[in-house]
Amino acid sequence: MYYLNKTTKYSFAEAEQKIREALKDKGFGILTEIDFKATLKAKIDKDIRQYKILGACNPNFAYQAFQQEEKIGIMLPCNVTIIENKDGSVDVSIIDPVAAFEVIKNKSIEPFAKEVKAVLEEALDSI
């Protein structure tokens, strides 16, 4: 699987707030934010359930990765999705850095990817 996931009983807004706080507690900032629902409505007049994409980045981890792989920026930031389900629950998903970084084929980045995954799992588990 290419992502980590937690299904919550929080409202969409609560789930978003909680994952933002959890990521912040782990040293991640939000660099980008896409309201996918609003974008699809504005661009192609399609309606979907609430759906946001957050681009999370931890500068210390990003710097460490850059030291091993100069083109690592193509894989950053770590995307986080908040998706409202039909039953009212909300999924919070985060890209699995181990799975994502496999395409890089640089063995020196594997320990780093595992460390980032562990931190992201802690953030997700805390909500």
C-alpha atoms as a PDB file:
ATOM      1  CA  MET A   1       0.000   0.000   0.000  1.00  0.00           C
ATOM      2  CA  TYR A   2       1.290   3.471  -0.808  1.00  0.00           C
ATOM      3  CA  TYR A   3      -0.358   5.324   2.078  1.00  0.00           C
ATOM      4  CA  LEU A   4      -1.045   5.238   5.823  1.00  0.00           C
ATOM      5  CA  ASN A   5      -4.703   5.671   6.787  1.00  0.00           C
ATOM      6  CA  LYS A   6      -6.935   6.277   9.767  1.00  0.00           C
ATOM      7  CA  THR A   7     -10.719   6.404   9.593  1.00  0.00           C
ATOM      8  CA  THR A   8     -12.142   8.757  12.210  1.00  0.00           C
ATOM      9  CA  LYS A   9     -15.546   9.614  13.583  1.00  0.00           C
ATOM     10  CA  TYR A  10     -14.590  13.302  13.704  1.00  0.00           C
ATOM     11  CA  SER A  11     -16.300  15.898  11.569  1.00  0.00           C
ATOM     12  CA  PHE A  12     -14.299  16.938   8.519  1.00  0.00           C
ATOM     13  CA  ALA A  13     -13.189  20.176  10.215  1.00  0.00           C
ATOM     14  CA  GLU A  14     -12.209  18.365  13.437  1.00  0.00           C
ATOM     15  CA  ALA A  15     -10.199  15.732  11.549  1.00  0.00           C
ATOM     16  CA  GLU A  16      -8.380  18.450   9.630  1.00  0.00           C
ATOM     17  CA  GLN A  17      -7.601  20.396  12.799  1.00  0.00           C
ATOM     18  CA  LYS A  18      -6.380  17.291  14.629  1.00  0.00           C
ATOM     19  CA  ILE A  19      -4.026  16.137  11.854  1.00  0.00           C
ATOM     20  CA  ARG A  20      -2.656  19.662  11.453  1.00  0.00           C
ATOM     21  CA  GLU A  21      -1.900  19.766  15.196  1.00  0.00           C
ATOM     22  CA  ALA A  22      -0.420  16.259  15.209  1.00  0.00           C
ATOM     23  CA  LEU A  23       1.862  17.076  12.290  1.00  0.00           C
ATOM     24  CA  LYS A  24       2.916  20.354  13.906  1.00  0.00           C
ATOM     25  CA  ASP A  25       3.783  18.453  17.101  1.00  0.00           C
ATOM     26  CA  LYS A  26       6.091  16.263  14.989  1.00  0.00           C
ATOM     27  CA  GLY A  27       7.840  19.229  13.370  1.00  0.00           C
ATOM     28  CA  PHE A  28       5.865  19.316  10.124  1.00  0.00           C
ATOM     29  CA  GLY A  29       4.487  22.492   8.620  1.00  0.00           C
ATOM     30  CA  ILE A  30       1.844  22.757   5.930  1.00  0.00           C
ATOM     31  CA  LEU A  31       3.389  24.236   2.776  1.00  0.00           C
ATOM     32  CA  THR A  32       0.474  23.712   0.413  1.00  0.00           C
ATOM     33  CA  GLU A  33      -3.251  23.265   0.738  1.00  0.00           C
ATOM     34  CA  ILE A  34      -5.711  22.254  -1.977  1.00  0.00           C
ATOM     35  CA  ASP A  35      -9.443  22.237  -1.429  1.00  0.00           C
ATOM     36  CA  PHE A  36     -10.060  19.505  -4.004  1.00  0.00           C
ATOM     37  CA  LYS A  37     -13.848  19.766  -3.670  1.00  0.00           C
ATOM     38  CA  ALA A  38     -13.835  23.523  -4.378  1.00  0.00           C
ATOM     39  CA  THR A  39     -11.318  23.143  -7.204  1.00  0.00           C
ATOM     40  CA  LEU A  40     -13.388  20.532  -9.036  1.00  0.00           C
ATOM     41  CA  LYS A  41     -16.516  22.616  -8.596  1.00  0.00           C
ATOM     42  CA  ALA A  42     -14.831  25.758  -9.915  1.00  0.00           C
ATOM     43  CA  LYS A  43     -12.960  24.128 -12.796  1.00  0.00           C
ATOM     44  CA  ILE A  44     -15.375  21.492 -14.126  1.00  0.00           C
ATOM     45  CA  ASP A  45     -18.608  22.077 -12.170  1.00  0.00           C
ATOM     46  CA  LYS A  46     -18.436  18.671 -10.436  1.00  0.00           C
ATOM     47  CA  ASP A  47     -19.579  18.062  -6.873  1.00  0.00           C
ATOM     48  CA  ILE A  48     -17.784  15.666  -4.552  1.00  0.00           C
ATOM     49  CA  ARG A  49     -17.717  15.139  -0.794  1.00  0.00           C
ATOM     50  CA  GLN A  50     -15.306  17.259   1.250  1.00  0.00           C
ATOM     51  CA  TYR A  51     -11.715  16.503   0.245  1.00  0.00           C
ATOM     52  CA  LYS A  52      -8.523  18.408   1.095  1.00  0.00           C
ATOM     53  CA  ILE A  53      -4.902  17.778   0.240  1.00  0.00           C
ATOM     54  CA  LEU A  54      -2.241  19.172   2.579  1.00  0.00           C
ATOM     55  CA  GLY A  55       1.430  19.293   1.631  1.00  0.00           C
ATOM     56  CA  ALA A  56       3.320  18.621   4.869  1.00  0.00           C
ATOM     57  CA  CYS A  57       7.062  19.093   5.262  1.00  0.00           C
ATOM     58  CA  ASN A  58       9.500  18.722   8.110  1.00  0.00           C
ATOM     59  CA  PRO A  59      12.508  20.941   7.249  1.00  0.00           C
ATOM     60  CA  ASN A  60      14.980  18.801   9.203  1.00  0.00           C
ATOM     61  CA  PHE A  61      13.900  15.638   7.394  1.00  0.00           C
ATOM     62  CA  ALA A  62      13.849  17.463   4.051  1.00  0.00           C
ATOM     63  CA  TYR A  63      17.414  18.676   4.591  1.00  0.00           C
ATOM     64  CA  GLN A  64      18.613  15.194   5.559  1.00  0.00           C
ATOM     65  CA  ALA A  65      17.015  13.713   2.440  1.00  0.00           C
ATOM     66  CA  PHE A  66      18.523  16.452   0.274  1.00  0.00           C
ATOM     67  CA  GLN A  67      21.968  15.489   1.567  1.00  0.00           C
ATOM     68  CA  GLN A  68      21.472  11.994   0.143  1.00  0.00           C
ATOM     69  CA  GLU A  69      19.464  12.786  -2.980  1.00  0.00           C
ATOM     70  CA  GLU A  70      19.621  16.203  -4.627  1.00  0.00           C
ATOM     71  CA  LYS A  71      16.434  15.703  -6.675  1.00  0.00           C
ATOM     72  CA  ILE A  72      14.391  14.650  -3.606  1.00  0.00           C
ATOM     73  CA  GLY A  73      12.269  17.788  -3.967  1.00  0.00           C
ATOM     74  CA  ILE A  74      10.286  16.043  -6.689  1.00  0.00           C
ATOM     75  CA  MET A  75       8.931  13.757  -3.947  1.00  0.00           C
ATOM     76  CA  LEU A  76       8.199  16.528  -1.454  1.00  0.00           C
ATOM     77  CA  PRO A  77       6.142  17.586   0.387  1.00  0.00           C
ATOM     78  CA  CYS A  78       4.439  14.581   1.966  1.00  0.00           C
ATOM     79  CA  ASN A  79       0.819  14.677   0.897  1.00  0.00           C
ATOM     80  CA  VAL A  80      -1.916  14.262   3.481  1.00  0.00           C
ATOM     81  CA  THR A  81      -5.547  13.825   2.446  1.00  0.00           C
ATOM     82  CA  ILE A  82      -8.666  14.446   4.493  1.00  0.00           C
ATOM     83  CA  ILE A  83     -11.657  12.810   2.818  1.00  0.00           C
ATOM     84  CA  GLU A  84     -15.281  12.741   3.917  1.00  0.00           C
ATOM     85  CA  ASN A  85     -16.796   9.267   3.472  1.00  0.00           C
ATOM     86  CA  LYS A  86     -20.379   8.524   2.472  1.00  0.00           C
ATOM     87  CA  ASP A  87     -21.168   7.286   5.985  1.00  0.00           C
ATOM     88  CA  GLY A  88     -20.011  10.558   7.551  1.00  0.00           C
ATOM     89  CA  SER A  89     -16.691   9.213   8.827  1.00  0.00           C
ATOM     90  CA  VAL A  90     -13.524  10.954   7.693  1.00  0.00           C
ATOM     91  CA  ASP A  91     -10.376   9.283   6.375  1.00  0.00           C
ATOM     92  CA  VAL A  92      -7.032  10.904   7.058  1.00  0.00           C
ATOM     93  CA  SER A  93      -4.322   9.429   4.847  1.00  0.00           C
ATOM     94  CA  ILE A  94      -0.620  10.182   4.507  1.00  0.00           C
ATOM     95  CA  ILE A  95       1.717   9.030   1.783  1.00  0.00           C
ATOM     96  CA  ASP A  96       3.986   6.171   2.894  1.00  0.00           C
ATOM     97  CA  PRO A  97       7.501   7.576   2.389  1.00  0.00           C
ATOM     98  CA  VAL A  98       9.021   4.095   2.225  1.00  0.00           C
ATOM     99  CA  ALA A  99       6.744   3.147  -0.678  1.00  0.00           C
ATOM    100  CA  ALA A 100       7.164   6.539  -2.368  1.00  0.00           C
ATOM    101  CA  PHE A 101      10.947   6.603  -2.096  1.00  0.00           C
ATOM    102  CA  GLU A 102      11.335   3.097  -3.563  1.00  0.00           C
ATOM    103  CA  VAL A 103      11.236   4.678  -7.007  1.00  0.00           C
ATOM    104  CA  ILE A 104      14.373   6.668  -6.203  1.00  0.00           C
ATOM    105  CA  LYS A 105      16.611   3.569  -6.135  1.00  0.00           C
ATOM    106  CA  ASN A 106      19.033   5.154  -3.677  1.00  0.00           C
ATOM    107  CA  LYS A 107      19.771   2.752  -0.813  1.00  0.00           C
ATOM    108  CA  SER A 108      21.172   5.528   1.378  1.00  0.00           C
ATOM    109  CA  ILE A 109      17.716   7.071   1.663  1.00  0.00           C
ATOM    110  CA  GLU A 110      15.985   3.922   2.969  1.00  0.00           C
ATOM    111  CA  PRO A 111      16.781   4.486   6.687  1.00  0.00           C
ATOM    112  CA  PHE A 112      15.578   8.065   6.361  1.00  0.00           C
ATOM    113  CA  ALA A 113      12.323   6.962   4.712  1.00  0.00           C
ATOM    114  CA  LYS A 114      11.693   4.477   7.538  1.00  0.00           C
ATOM    115  CA  GLU A 115      12.311   7.168  10.158  1.00  0.00           C
ATOM    116  CA  VAL A 116       9.907   9.601   8.459  1.00  0.00           C
ATOM    117  CA  LYS A 117       7.289   6.846   8.129  1.00  0.00           C
ATOM    118  CA  ALA A 118       7.516   6.108  11.855  1.00  0.00           C
ATOM    119  CA  VAL A 119       7.031   9.777  12.724  1.00  0.00           C
ATOM    120  CA  LEU A 120       4.086  10.118  10.351  1.00  0.00           C
ATOM    121  CA  GLU A 121       2.513   6.955  11.804  1.00  0.00           C
ATOM    122  CA  GLU A 122       2.838   8.456  15.281  1.00  0.00           C
ATOM    123  CA  ALA A 123       1.087  11.633  14.115  1.00  0.00           C
ATOM    124  CA  LEU A 124      -1.714   9.653  12.480  1.00  0.00           C
ATOM    125  CA  ASP A 125      -2.119   7.349  15.482  1.00  0.00           C
ATOM    126  CA  SER A 126      -2.420  10.349  17.797  1.00  0.00           C
ATOM    127  CA  ILE A 127      -5.610  11.668  16.222  1.00  0.00           C
END
